[in-house]
PDB file of N, CA and C in Angstrom:
ATOM      1  N   MET A   1       3.076 -18.042 -20.973  1.00  0.00           N
ATOM      2  CA  MET A   1       2.648 -18.387 -22.324  1.00  0.00           C
ATOM      3  C   MET A   1       2.774 -17.139 -23.213  1.00  0.00           C
ATOM      4  N   LYS A   2       3.354 -17.338 -24.391  1.00  0.00           N
ATOM      5  CA  LYS A   2       3.508 -16.230 -25.332  1.00  0.00           C
ATOM      6  C   LYS A   2       2.166 -15.895 -25.974  1.00  0.00           C
ATOM      7  N   PRO A   3       1.905 -14.591 -26.189  1.00  0.00           N
ATOM      8  CA  PRO A   3       0.690 -14.227 -26.927  1.00  0.00           C
ATOM      9  C   PRO A   3       0.827 -14.624 -28.401  1.00  0.00           C
ATOM     10  N   GLU A   4      -0.308 -14.803 -29.033  1.00  0.00           N
ATOM     11  CA  GLU A   4      -0.348 -15.245 -30.433  1.00  0.00           C
ATOM     12  C   GLU A   4       0.460 -14.334 -31.353  1.00  0.00           C
ATOM     13  N   ASN A   5       0.346 -13.017 -31.157  1.00  0.00           N
ATOM     14  CA  ASN A   5       1.053 -12.103 -32.063  1.00  0.00           C
ATOM     15  C   ASN A   5       2.572 -12.225 -31.922  1.00  0.00           C
ATOM     16  N   LYS A   6       3.067 -12.576 -30.744  1.00  0.00           N
ATOM     17  CA  LYS A   6       4.514 -12.766 -30.565  1.00  0.00           C
ATOM     18  C   LYS A   6       4.983 -14.040 -31.279  1.00  0.00           C
ATOM     19  N   ILE A   7       4.192 -15.095 -31.198  1.00  0.00           N
ATOM     20  CA  ILE A   7       4.522 -16.332 -31.909  1.00  0.00           C
ATOM     21  C   ILE A   7       4.555 -16.058 -33.417  1.00  0.00           C
ATOM     22  N   GLN A   8       3.561 -15.325 -33.898  1.00  0.00           N
ATOM     23  CA  GLN A   8       3.496 -15.008 -35.327  1.00  0.00           C
ATOM     24  C   GLN A   8       4.693 -14.172 -35.748  1.00  0.00           C
ATOM     25  N   GLN A   9       5.090 -13.212 -34.928  1.00  0.00           N
ATOM     26  CA  GLN A   9       6.262 -12.387 -35.251  1.00  0.00           C
ATOM     27  C   GLN A   9       7.525 -13.243 -35.352  1.00  0.00           C
ATOM     28  N   GLU A  10       7.701 -14.177 -34.429  1.00  0.00           N
ATOM     29  CA  GLU A  10       8.862 -15.071 -34.462  1.00  0.00           C
ATOM     30  C   GLU A  10       8.883 -15.885 -35.755  1.00  0.00           C
ATOM     31  N   ILE A  11       7.713 -16.366 -36.153  1.00  0.00           N
ATOM     32  CA  ILE A  11       7.609 -17.175 -37.372  1.00  0.00           C
ATOM     33  C   ILE A  11       7.993 -16.352 -38.603  1.00  0.00           C
ATOM     34  N   VAL A  12       7.443 -15.164 -38.710  1.00  0.00           N
ATOM     35  CA  VAL A  12       7.728 -14.309 -39.869  1.00  0.00           C
ATOM     36  C   VAL A  12       9.208 -13.954 -39.904  1.00  0.00           C
ATOM     37  N   GLN A  13       9.771 -13.556 -38.774  1.00  0.00           N
ATOM     38  CA  GLN A  13      11.191 -13.192 -38.729  1.00  0.00           C
ATOM     39  C   GLN A  13      12.073 -14.388 -39.086  1.00  0.00           C
ATOM     40  N   TYR A  14      11.755 -15.561 -38.559  1.00  0.00           N
ATOM     41  CA  TYR A  14      12.526 -16.770 -38.873  1.00  0.00           C
ATOM     42  C   TYR A  14      12.476 -17.069 -40.368  1.00  0.00           C
ATOM     43  N   TYR A  15      11.259 -17.073 -40.923  1.00  0.00           N
ATOM     44  CA  TYR A  15      11.125 -17.423 -42.336  1.00  0.00           C
ATOM     45  C   TYR A  15      11.889 -16.435 -43.216  1.00  0.00           C
ATOM     46  N   ARG A  16      11.717 -15.167 -42.966  1.00  0.00           N
ATOM     47  CA  ARG A  16      12.378 -14.153 -43.794  1.00  0.00           C
ATOM     48  C   ARG A  16      13.895 -14.212 -43.670  1.00  0.00           C
ATOM     49  N   ALA A  17      14.402 -14.557 -42.499  1.00  0.00           N
ATOM     50  CA  ALA A  17      15.847 -14.633 -42.296  1.00  0.00           C
ATOM     51  C   ALA A  17      16.451 -15.903 -42.883  1.00  0.00           C
ATOM     52  N   ASN A  18      15.698 -16.984 -42.892  1.00  0.00           N
ATOM     53  CA  ASN A  18      16.258 -18.281 -43.277  1.00  0.00           C
ATOM     54  C   ASN A  18      15.777 -18.828 -44.611  1.00  0.00           C
ATOM     55  N   HIS A  19      14.804 -18.195 -45.208  1.00  0.00           N
ATOM     56  CA  HIS A  19      14.260 -18.716 -46.469  1.00  0.00           C
ATOM     57  C   HIS A  19      14.196 -17.628 -47.542  1.00  0.00           C
ATOM     58  N   TYR A  20      15.037 -16.620 -47.410  1.00  0.00           N
ATOM     59  CA  TYR A  20      15.066 -15.538 -48.385  1.00  0.00           C
ATOM     60  C   TYR A  20      15.339 -16.108 -49.776  1.00  0.00           C
ATOM     61  N   GLY A  21      14.526 -15.703 -50.729  1.00  0.00           N
ATOM     62  CA  GLY A  21      14.692 -16.169 -52.099  1.00  0.00           C
ATOM     63  C   GLY A  21      13.969 -17.470 -52.401  1.00  0.00           C
ATOM     64  N   LYS A  22      13.557 -18.184 -51.360  1.00  0.00           N
ATOM     65  CA  LYS A  22      12.851 -19.450 -51.567  1.00  0.00           C
ATOM     66  C   LYS A  22      11.348 -19.216 -51.685  1.00  0.00           C
ATOM     67  N   GLY A  23      10.849 -18.195 -51.032  1.00  0.00           N
ATOM     68  CA  GLY A  23       9.421 -17.916 -51.055  1.00  0.00           C
ATOM     69  C   GLY A  23       9.112 -16.627 -50.323  1.00  0.00           C
ATOM     70  N   ILE A  24       7.825 -16.338 -50.224  1.00  0.00           N
ATOM     71  CA  ILE A  24       7.397 -15.153 -49.485  1.00  0.00           C
ATOM     72  C   ILE A  24       6.384 -15.568 -48.425  1.00  0.00           C
ATOM     73  N   ILE A  25       6.392 -14.830 -47.342  1.00  0.00           N
ATOM     74  CA  ILE A  25       5.450 -15.049 -46.257  1.00  0.00           C
ATOM     75  C   ILE A  25       4.764 -13.720 -45.987  1.00  0.00           C
ATOM     76  N   PHE A  26       3.456 -13.773 -45.811  1.00  0.00           N
ATOM     77  CA  PHE A  26       2.732 -12.534 -45.514  1.00  0.00           C
ATOM     78  C   PHE A  26       1.495 -12.840 -44.697  1.00  0.00           C
ATOM     79  N   SER A  27       1.003 -11.802 -44.037  1.00  0.00           N
ATOM     80  CA  SER A  27      -0.214 -11.952 -43.238  1.00  0.00           C
ATOM     81  C   SER A  27      -1.372 -11.288 -43.948  1.00  0.00           C
ATOM     82  N   VAL A  28      -2.544 -11.718 -43.560  1.00  0.00           N
ATOM     83  CA  VAL A  28      -3.775 -11.142 -44.079  1.00  0.00           C
ATOM     84  C   VAL A  28      -4.503 -10.519 -42.883  1.00  0.00           C
ATOM     85  N   PRO A  29      -4.429  -9.195 -42.738  1.00  0.00           N
ATOM     86  CA  PRO A  29      -5.064  -8.560 -41.573  1.00  0.00           C
ATOM     87  C   PRO A  29      -6.581  -8.489 -41.746  1.00  0.00           C
ATOM     88  N   ASN A  30      -7.242  -9.548 -41.322  1.00  0.00           N
ATOM     89  CA  ASN A  30      -8.684  -9.649 -41.540  1.00  0.00           C
ATOM     90  C   ASN A  30      -9.478  -9.722 -40.240  1.00  0.00           C
ATOM     91  N   GLU A  31      -8.947  -9.135 -39.180  1.00  0.00           N
ATOM     92  CA  GLU A  31      -9.590  -9.225 -37.876  1.00  0.00           C
ATOM     93  C   GLU A  31     -10.383  -7.970 -37.517  1.00  0.00           C
ATOM     94  N   ARG A  32     -10.822  -7.261 -38.485  1.00  0.00           N
ATOM     95  CA  ARG A  32     -11.559  -6.026 -38.218  1.00  0.00           C
ATOM     96  C   ARG A  32     -12.968  -6.329 -37.740  1.00  0.00           C
ATOM     97  N   THR A  33     -13.472  -5.428 -36.952  1.00  0.00           N
ATOM     98  CA  THR A  33     -14.844  -5.559 -36.481  1.00  0.00           C
ATOM     99  C   THR A  33     -15.548  -4.227 -36.669  1.00  0.00           C
ATOM    100  N   GLY A  34     -16.840  -4.272 -36.683  1.00  0.00           N
ATOM    101  CA  GLY A  34     -17.616  -3.054 -36.830  1.00  0.00           C
ATOM    102  C   GLY A  34     -19.007  -3.393 -37.320  1.00  0.00           C
ATOM    103  N   GLY A  35     -19.818  -2.397 -37.396  1.00  0.00           N
ATOM    104  CA  GLY A  35     -21.178  -2.587 -37.872  1.00  0.00           C
ATOM    105  C   GLY A  35     -21.226  -2.789 -39.372  1.00  0.00           C
ATOM    106  N   TYR A  36     -22.415  -3.019 -39.867  1.00  0.00           N
ATOM    107  CA  TYR A  36     -22.627  -3.309 -41.287  1.00  0.00           C
ATOM    108  C   TYR A  36     -22.085  -2.191 -42.169  1.00  0.00           C
ATOM    109  N   VAL A  37     -22.346  -0.944 -41.796  1.00  0.00           N
ATOM    110  CA  VAL A  37     -21.913   0.191 -42.626  1.00  0.00           C
ATOM    111  C   VAL A  37     -20.392   0.231 -42.725  1.00  0.00           C
ATOM    112  N   ALA A  38     -19.706  -0.028 -41.627  1.00  0.00           N
ATOM    113  CA  ALA A  38     -18.246   0.003 -41.633  1.00  0.00           C
ATOM    114  C   ALA A  38     -17.651  -1.198 -42.361  1.00  0.00           C
ATOM    115  N   MET A  39     -18.290  -2.347 -42.239  1.00  0.00           N
ATOM    116  CA  MET A  39     -17.736  -3.577 -42.792  1.00  0.00           C
ATOM    117  C   MET A  39     -18.077  -3.803 -44.259  1.00  0.00           C
ATOM    118  N   LYS A  40     -19.191  -3.283 -44.731  1.00  0.00           N
ATOM    119  CA  LYS A  40     -19.626  -3.566 -46.097  1.00  0.00           C
ATOM    120  C   LYS A  40     -18.566  -3.238 -47.148  1.00  0.00           C
ATOM    121  N   PRO A  41     -17.945  -2.053 -47.116  1.00  0.00           N
ATOM    122  CA  PRO A  41     -16.915  -1.779 -48.139  1.00  0.00           C
ATOM    123  C   PRO A  41     -15.744  -2.763 -48.071  1.00  0.00           C
ATOM    124  N   LEU A  42     -15.373  -3.186 -46.871  1.00  0.00           N
ATOM    125  CA  LEU A  42     -14.275  -4.141 -46.734  1.00  0.00           C
ATOM    126  C   LEU A  42     -14.664  -5.509 -47.293  1.00  0.00           C
ATOM    127  N   LEU A  43     -15.875  -5.935 -47.011  1.00  0.00           N
ATOM    128  CA  LEU A  43     -16.353  -7.217 -47.526  1.00  0.00           C
ATOM    129  C   LEU A  43     -16.449  -7.198 -49.052  1.00  0.00           C
ATOM    130  N   LEU A  44     -16.899  -6.077 -49.604  1.00  0.00           N
ATOM    131  CA  LEU A  44     -17.032  -5.960 -51.057  1.00  0.00           C
ATOM    132  C   LEU A  44     -15.685  -5.941 -51.777  1.00  0.00           C
ATOM    133  N   THR A  45     -14.635  -5.560 -51.051  1.00  0.00           N
ATOM    134  CA  THR A  45     -13.309  -5.527 -51.678  1.00  0.00           C
ATOM    135  C   THR A  45     -12.466  -6.748 -51.313  1.00  0.00           C
ATOM    136  N   GLY A  46     -13.094  -7.769 -50.713  1.00  0.00           N
ATOM    137  CA  GLY A  46     -12.397  -9.034 -50.539  1.00  0.00           C
ATOM    138  C   GLY A  46     -12.111  -9.499 -49.128  1.00  0.00           C
ATOM    139  N   LEU A  47     -12.472  -8.740 -48.112  1.00  0.00           N
ATOM    140  CA  LEU A  47     -12.264  -9.200 -46.746  1.00  0.00           C
ATOM    141  C   LEU A  47     -12.988 -10.527 -46.552  1.00  0.00           C
ATOM    142  N   LEU A  48     -12.299 -11.494 -45.962  1.00  0.00           N
ATOM    143  CA  LEU A  48     -12.877 -12.814 -45.750  1.00  0.00           C
ATOM    144  C   LEU A  48     -12.543 -13.275 -44.346  1.00  0.00           C
ATOM    145  N   SER A  49     -13.532 -13.337 -43.489  1.00  0.00           N
ATOM    146  CA  SER A  49     -13.322 -13.799 -42.119  1.00  0.00           C
ATOM    147  C   SER A  49     -12.887 -15.248 -42.126  1.00  0.00           C
ATOM    148  N   GLY A  50     -11.945 -15.574 -41.254  1.00  0.00           N
ATOM    149  CA  GLY A  50     -11.493 -16.951 -41.114  1.00  0.00           C
ATOM    150  C   GLY A  50     -10.225 -17.279 -41.866  1.00  0.00           C
ATOM    151  N   VAL A  51      -9.746 -16.356 -42.718  1.00  0.00           N
ATOM    152  CA  VAL A  51      -8.518 -16.601 -43.479  1.00  0.00           C
ATOM    153  C   VAL A  51      -7.366 -16.836 -42.503  1.00  0.00           C
ATOM    154  N   SER A  52      -6.469 -17.730 -42.870  1.00  0.00           N
ATOM    155  CA  SER A  52      -5.337 -18.053 -41.998  1.00  0.00           C
ATOM    156  C   SER A  52      -4.480 -16.820 -41.734  1.00  0.00           C
ATOM    157  N   ASP A  53      -3.781 -16.850 -40.598  1.00  0.00           N
ATOM    158  CA  ASP A  53      -2.941 -15.720 -40.200  1.00  0.00           C
ATOM    159  C   ASP A  53      -1.820 -15.449 -41.185  1.00  0.00           C
ATOM    160  N   LEU A  54      -1.230 -16.513 -41.723  1.00  0.00           N
ATOM    161  CA  LEU A  54      -0.093 -16.372 -42.620  1.00  0.00           C
ATOM    162  C   LEU A  54      -0.296 -17.209 -43.871  1.00  0.00           C
ATOM    163  N   ILE A  55       0.237 -16.711 -44.969  1.00  0.00           N
ATOM    164  CA  ILE A  55       0.254 -17.455 -46.222  1.00  0.00           C
ATOM    165  C   ILE A  55       1.692 -17.455 -46.714  1.00  0.00           C
ATOM    166  N   ILE A  56       2.152 -18.622 -47.129  1.00  0.00           N
ATOM    167  CA  ILE A  56       3.510 -18.771 -47.646  1.00  0.00           C
ATOM    168  C   ILE A  56       3.400 -19.269 -49.080  1.00  0.00           C
ATOM    169  N   VAL A  57       4.063 -18.558 -49.978  1.00  0.00           N
ATOM    170  CA  VAL A  57       4.070 -18.942 -51.387  1.00  0.00           C
ATOM    171  C   VAL A  57       5.504 -19.278 -51.768  1.00  0.00           C
ATOM    172  N   GLU A  58       5.689 -20.527 -52.177  1.00  0.00           N
ATOM    173  CA  GLU A  58       6.981 -21.001 -52.644  1.00  0.00           C
ATOM    174  C   GLU A  58       6.773 -21.625 -54.011  1.00  0.00           C
ATOM    175  N   LYS A  59       7.840 -21.851 -54.720  1.00  0.00           N
ATOM    176  CA  LYS A  59       7.713 -22.473 -56.032  1.00  0.00           C
ATOM    177  C   LYS A  59       7.057 -23.846 -55.871  1.00  0.00           C
ATOM    178  N   GLY A  60       5.907 -24.014 -56.485  1.00  0.00           N
ATOM    179  CA  GLY A  60       5.218 -25.293 -56.465  1.00  0.00           C
ATOM    180  C   GLY A  60       4.338 -25.575 -55.270  1.00  0.00           C
ATOM    181  N   ARG A  61       4.275 -24.668 -54.300  1.00  0.00           N
ATOM    182  CA  ARG A  61       3.385 -24.916 -53.162  1.00  0.00           C
ATOM    183  C   ARG A  61       2.971 -23.620 -52.474  1.00  0.00           C
ATOM    184  N   VAL A  62       1.807 -23.699 -51.878  1.00  0.00           N
ATOM    185  CA  VAL A  62       1.264 -22.605 -51.071  1.00  0.00           C
ATOM    186  C   VAL A  62       0.830 -23.213 -49.748  1.00  0.00           C
ATOM    187  N   LEU A  63       1.257 -22.605 -48.653  1.00  0.00           N
ATOM    188  CA  LEU A  63       0.909 -23.077 -47.314  1.00  0.00           C
ATOM    189  C   LEU A  63       0.069 -22.024 -46.600  1.00  0.00           C
ATOM    190  N   PHE A  64      -0.942 -22.472 -45.916  1.00  0.00           N
ATOM    191  CA  PHE A  64      -1.793 -21.601 -45.117  1.00  0.00           C
ATOM    192  C   PHE A  64      -1.547 -21.966 -43.663  1.00  0.00           C
ATOM    193  N   VAL A  65      -1.184 -20.967 -42.845  1.00  0.00           N
ATOM    194  CA  VAL A  65      -0.767 -21.225 -41.465  1.00  0.00           C
ATOM    195  C   VAL A  65      -1.609 -20.407 -40.498  1.00  0.00           C
ATOM    196  N   GLU A  66      -2.263 -21.099 -39.596  1.00  0.00           N
ATOM    197  CA  GLU A  66      -3.020 -20.462 -38.520  1.00  0.00           C
ATOM    198  C   GLU A  66      -2.184 -20.560 -37.256  1.00  0.00           C
ATOM    199  N   VAL A  67      -2.004 -19.436 -36.570  1.00  0.00           N
ATOM    200  CA  VAL A  67      -1.189 -19.379 -35.358  1.00  0.00           C
ATOM    201  C   VAL A  67      -2.106 -19.272 -34.146  1.00  0.00           C
ATOM    202  N   LYS A  68      -1.872 -20.133 -33.173  1.00  0.00           N
ATOM    203  CA  LYS A  68      -2.640 -20.115 -31.927  1.00  0.00           C
ATOM    204  C   LYS A  68      -1.696 -20.301 -30.749  1.00  0.00           C
ATOM    205  N   THR A  69      -2.126 -19.869 -29.579  1.00  0.00           N
ATOM    206  CA  THR A  69      -1.390 -20.160 -28.352  1.00  0.00           C
ATOM    207  C   THR A  69      -1.636 -21.614 -27.967  1.00  0.00           C
ATOM    208  N   ASP A  70      -1.022 -22.048 -26.898  1.00  0.00           N
ATOM    209  CA  ASP A  70      -1.206 -23.431 -26.437  1.00  0.00           C
ATOM    210  C   ASP A  70      -2.667 -23.767 -26.161  1.00  0.00           C
ATOM    211  N   ILE A  71      -3.439 -22.764 -25.770  1.00  0.00           N
ATOM    212  CA  ILE A  71      -4.845 -23.028 -25.432  1.00  0.00           C
ATOM    213  C   ILE A  71      -5.813 -22.419 -26.443  1.00  0.00           C
ATOM    214  N   GLY A  72      -5.285 -21.776 -27.484  1.00  0.00           N
ATOM    215  CA  GLY A  72      -6.130 -21.127 -28.481  1.00  0.00           C
ATOM    216  C   GLY A  72      -6.909 -22.137 -29.320  1.00  0.00           C
ATOM    217  N   ARG A  73      -8.100 -21.729 -29.723  1.00  0.00           N
ATOM    218  CA  ARG A  73      -8.958 -22.594 -30.547  1.00  0.00           C
ATOM    219  C   ARG A  73      -9.378 -21.855 -31.802  1.00  0.00           C
ATOM    220  N   GLN A  74      -9.557 -22.599 -32.882  1.00  0.00           N
ATOM    221  CA  GLN A  74     -10.037 -22.010 -34.122  1.00  0.00           C
ATOM    222  C   GLN A  74     -11.509 -21.621 -33.975  1.00  0.00           C
ATOM    223  N   SER A  75     -11.854 -20.520 -34.616  1.00  0.00           N
ATOM    224  CA  SER A  75     -13.258 -20.124 -34.684  1.00  0.00           C
ATOM    225  C   SER A  75     -13.959 -20.985 -35.732  1.00  0.00           C
ATOM    226  N   ASP A  76     -15.274 -20.943 -35.743  1.00  0.00           N
ATOM    227  CA  ASP A  76     -16.033 -21.687 -36.754  1.00  0.00           C
ATOM    228  C   ASP A  76     -15.641 -21.235 -38.164  1.00  0.00           C
ATOM    229  N   LYS A  77     -15.440 -19.935 -38.351  1.00  0.00           N
ATOM    230  CA  LYS A  77     -15.057 -19.423 -39.673  1.00  0.00           C
ATOM    231  C   LYS A  77     -13.671 -19.916 -40.078  1.00  0.00           C
ATOM    232  N   GLN A  78     -12.760 -20.025 -39.119  1.00  0.00           N
ATOM    233  CA  GLN A  78     -11.425 -20.543 -39.424  1.00  0.00           C
ATOM    234  C   GLN A  78     -11.489 -22.025 -39.794  1.00  0.00           C
ATOM    235  N   ILE A  79     -12.345 -22.761 -39.129  1.00  0.00           N
ATOM    236  CA  ILE A  79     -12.517 -24.177 -39.447  1.00  0.00           C
ATOM    237  C   ILE A  79     -13.093 -24.337 -40.851  1.00  0.00           C
ATOM    238  N   ARG A  80     -14.060 -23.494 -41.206  1.00  0.00           N
ATOM    239  CA  ARG A  80     -14.631 -23.544 -42.565  1.00  0.00           C
ATOM    240  C   ARG A  80     -13.571 -23.206 -43.615  1.00  0.00           C
ATOM    241  N   PHE A  81     -12.753 -22.179 -43.329  1.00  0.00           N
ATOM    242  CA  PHE A  81     -11.693 -21.804 -44.265  1.00  0.00           C
ATOM    243  C   PHE A  81     -10.708 -22.963 -44.441  1.00  0.00           C
ATOM    244  N   GLU A  82     -10.314 -23.597 -43.347  1.00  0.00           N
ATOM    245  CA  GLU A  82      -9.411 -24.751 -43.425  1.00  0.00           C
ATOM    246  C   GLU A  82     -10.009 -25.837 -44.315  1.00  0.00           C
ATOM    247  N   LYS A  83     -11.271 -26.111 -44.143  1.00  0.00           N
ATOM    248  CA  LYS A  83     -11.952 -27.140 -44.948  1.00  0.00           C
ATOM    249  C   LYS A  83     -11.925 -26.771 -46.432  1.00  0.00           C
ATOM    250  N   GLN A  84     -12.222 -25.515 -46.739  1.00  0.00           N
ATOM    251  CA  GLN A  84     -12.206 -25.080 -48.144  1.00  0.00           C
ATOM    252  C   GLN A  84     -10.809 -25.226 -48.739  1.00  0.00           C
ATOM    253  N   ILE A  85      -9.799 -24.812 -47.998  1.00  0.00           N
ATOM    254  CA  ILE A  85      -8.419 -24.865 -48.488  1.00  0.00           C
ATOM    255  C   ILE A  85      -7.987 -26.298 -48.743  1.00  0.00           C
ATOM    256  N   THR A  86      -8.257 -27.184 -47.786  1.00  0.00           N
ATOM    257  CA  THR A  86      -7.828 -28.571 -47.963  1.00  0.00           C
ATOM    258  C   THR A  86      -8.615 -29.268 -49.070  1.00  0.00           C
ATOM    259  N   GLU A  87      -9.883 -28.906 -49.244  1.00  0.00           N
ATOM    260  CA  GLU A  87     -10.662 -29.483 -50.351  1.00  0.00           C
ATOM    261  C   GLU A  87     -10.125 -29.041 -51.706  1.00  0.00           C
ATOM    262  N   LEU A  88      -9.492 -27.876 -51.743  1.00  0.00           N
ATOM    263  CA  LEU A  88      -8.876 -27.387 -52.977  1.00  0.00           C
ATOM    264  C   LEU A  88      -7.488 -27.995 -53.209  1.00  0.00           C
ATOM    265  N   GLY A  89      -7.023 -28.785 -52.248  1.00  0.00           N
ATOM    266  CA  GLY A  89      -5.754 -29.485 -52.413  1.00  0.00           C
ATOM    267  C   GLY A  89      -4.541 -28.776 -51.843  1.00  0.00           C
ATOM    268  N   TYR A  90      -4.752 -27.725 -51.049  1.00  0.00           N
ATOM    269  CA  TYR A  90      -3.637 -26.992 -50.454  1.00  0.00           C
ATOM    270  C   TYR A  90      -3.410 -27.442 -49.019  1.00  0.00           C
ATOM    271  N   LYS A  91      -2.237 -27.117 -48.495  1.00  0.00           N
ATOM    272  CA  LYS A  91      -1.861 -27.494 -47.133  1.00  0.00           C
ATOM    273  C   LYS A  91      -2.240 -26.372 -46.162  1.00  0.00           C
ATOM    274  N   TYR A  92      -2.883 -26.764 -45.076  1.00  0.00           N
ATOM    275  CA  TYR A  92      -3.286 -25.842 -44.009  1.00  0.00           C
ATOM    276  C   TYR A  92      -2.714 -26.400 -42.715  1.00  0.00           C
ATOM    277  N   PHE A  93      -2.073 -25.535 -41.943  1.00  0.00           N
ATOM    278  CA  PHE A  93      -1.445 -25.969 -40.698  1.00  0.00           C
ATOM    279  C   PHE A  93      -1.870 -25.075 -39.553  1.00  0.00           C
ATOM    280  N   LEU A  94      -2.078 -25.671 -38.407  1.00  0.00           N
ATOM    281  CA  LEU A  94      -2.284 -24.936 -37.167  1.00  0.00           C
ATOM    282  C   LEU A  94      -1.002 -25.112 -36.361  1.00  0.00           C
ATOM    283  N   VAL A  95      -0.346 -24.014 -36.036  1.00  0.00           N
ATOM    284  CA  VAL A  95       0.909 -24.082 -35.280  1.00  0.00           C
ATOM    285  C   VAL A  95       0.764 -23.290 -33.989  1.00  0.00           C
ATOM    286  N   ARG A  96       1.500 -23.730 -32.969  1.00  0.00           N
ATOM    287  CA  ARG A  96       1.424 -23.092 -31.658  1.00  0.00           C
ATOM    288  C   ARG A  96       2.782 -22.566 -31.191  1.00  0.00           C
ATOM    289  N   SER A  97       3.794 -22.708 -32.046  1.00  0.00           N
ATOM    290  CA  SER A  97       5.140 -22.264 -31.680  1.00  0.00           C
ATOM    291  C   SER A  97       6.002 -22.178 -32.931  1.00  0.00           C
ATOM    292  N   LEU A  98       7.150 -21.537 -32.784  1.00  0.00           N
ATOM    293  CA  LEU A  98       8.121 -21.497 -33.871  1.00  0.00           C
ATOM    294  C   LEU A  98       8.591 -22.917 -34.197  1.00  0.00           C
ATOM    295  N   LYS A  99       8.755 -23.751 -33.190  1.00  0.00           N
ATOM    296  CA  LYS A  99       9.163 -25.149 -33.411  1.00  0.00           C
ATOM    297  C   LYS A  99       8.137 -25.872 -34.283  1.00  0.00           C
ATOM    298  N   ASP A 100       6.848 -25.711 -33.974  1.00  0.00           N
ATOM    299  CA  ASP A 100       5.803 -26.311 -34.813  1.00  0.00           C
ATOM    300  C   ASP A 100       5.941 -25.843 -36.262  1.00  0.00           C
ATOM    301  N   PHE A 101       6.172 -24.547 -36.419  1.00  0.00           N
ATOM    302  CA  PHE A 101       6.298 -23.977 -37.765  1.00  0.00           C
ATOM    303  C   PHE A 101       7.485 -24.576 -38.508  1.00  0.00           C
ATOM    304  N   LYS A 102       8.615 -24.670 -37.846  1.00  0.00           N
ATOM    305  CA  LYS A 102       9.809 -25.241 -38.483  1.00  0.00           C
ATOM    306  C   LYS A 102       9.532 -26.662 -38.969  1.00  0.00           C
ATOM    307  N   ASN A 103       8.750 -27.415 -38.214  1.00  0.00           N
ATOM    308  CA  ASN A 103       8.441 -28.799 -38.582  1.00  0.00           C
ATOM    309  C   ASN A 103       7.593 -28.903 -39.852  1.00  0.00           C
ATOM    310  N   ILE A 104       6.784 -27.891 -40.149  1.00  0.00           N
ATOM    311  CA  ILE A 104       5.957 -27.975 -41.364  1.00  0.00           C
ATOM    312  C   ILE A 104       6.761 -27.639 -42.616  1.00  0.00           C
ATOM    313  N   LEU A 105       7.900 -27.025 -42.464  1.00  0.00           N
ATOM    314  CA  LEU A 105       8.714 -26.637 -43.624  1.00  0.00           C
ATOM    315  C   LEU A 105       9.550 -27.782 -44.165  1.00  0.00           C
ATOM    316  N   ILE A 106       9.643 -28.849 -43.432  1.00  0.00           N
ATOM    317  CA  ILE A 106      10.465 -29.994 -43.835  1.00  0.00           C
ATOM    318  C   ILE A 106       9.845 -30.697 -45.030  1.00  0.00           C
TER     319      ILE A 106
END
């Protein structure tokens, strides 16, 4: 089984190679941990636990993509983020492979 970060790398490389000029894909590195003193400045400047691994911005749409392994599960914070995003009318996807990702782009 591929680790989550390898699946995410494949997705980013695929999108950038095949969708250049159509949109942008980027990650939000929000997996930091630490005590209150270490985390407070990050939280005050916008760190938000549960944000999807990848965000894709294309003309007329924004996609939020959470990457998991075959057995990976969303955390409670990720589930809350998904709920907020879908309530705002945006698309949120959980993908477990590059094939899954390709299917959401159709």
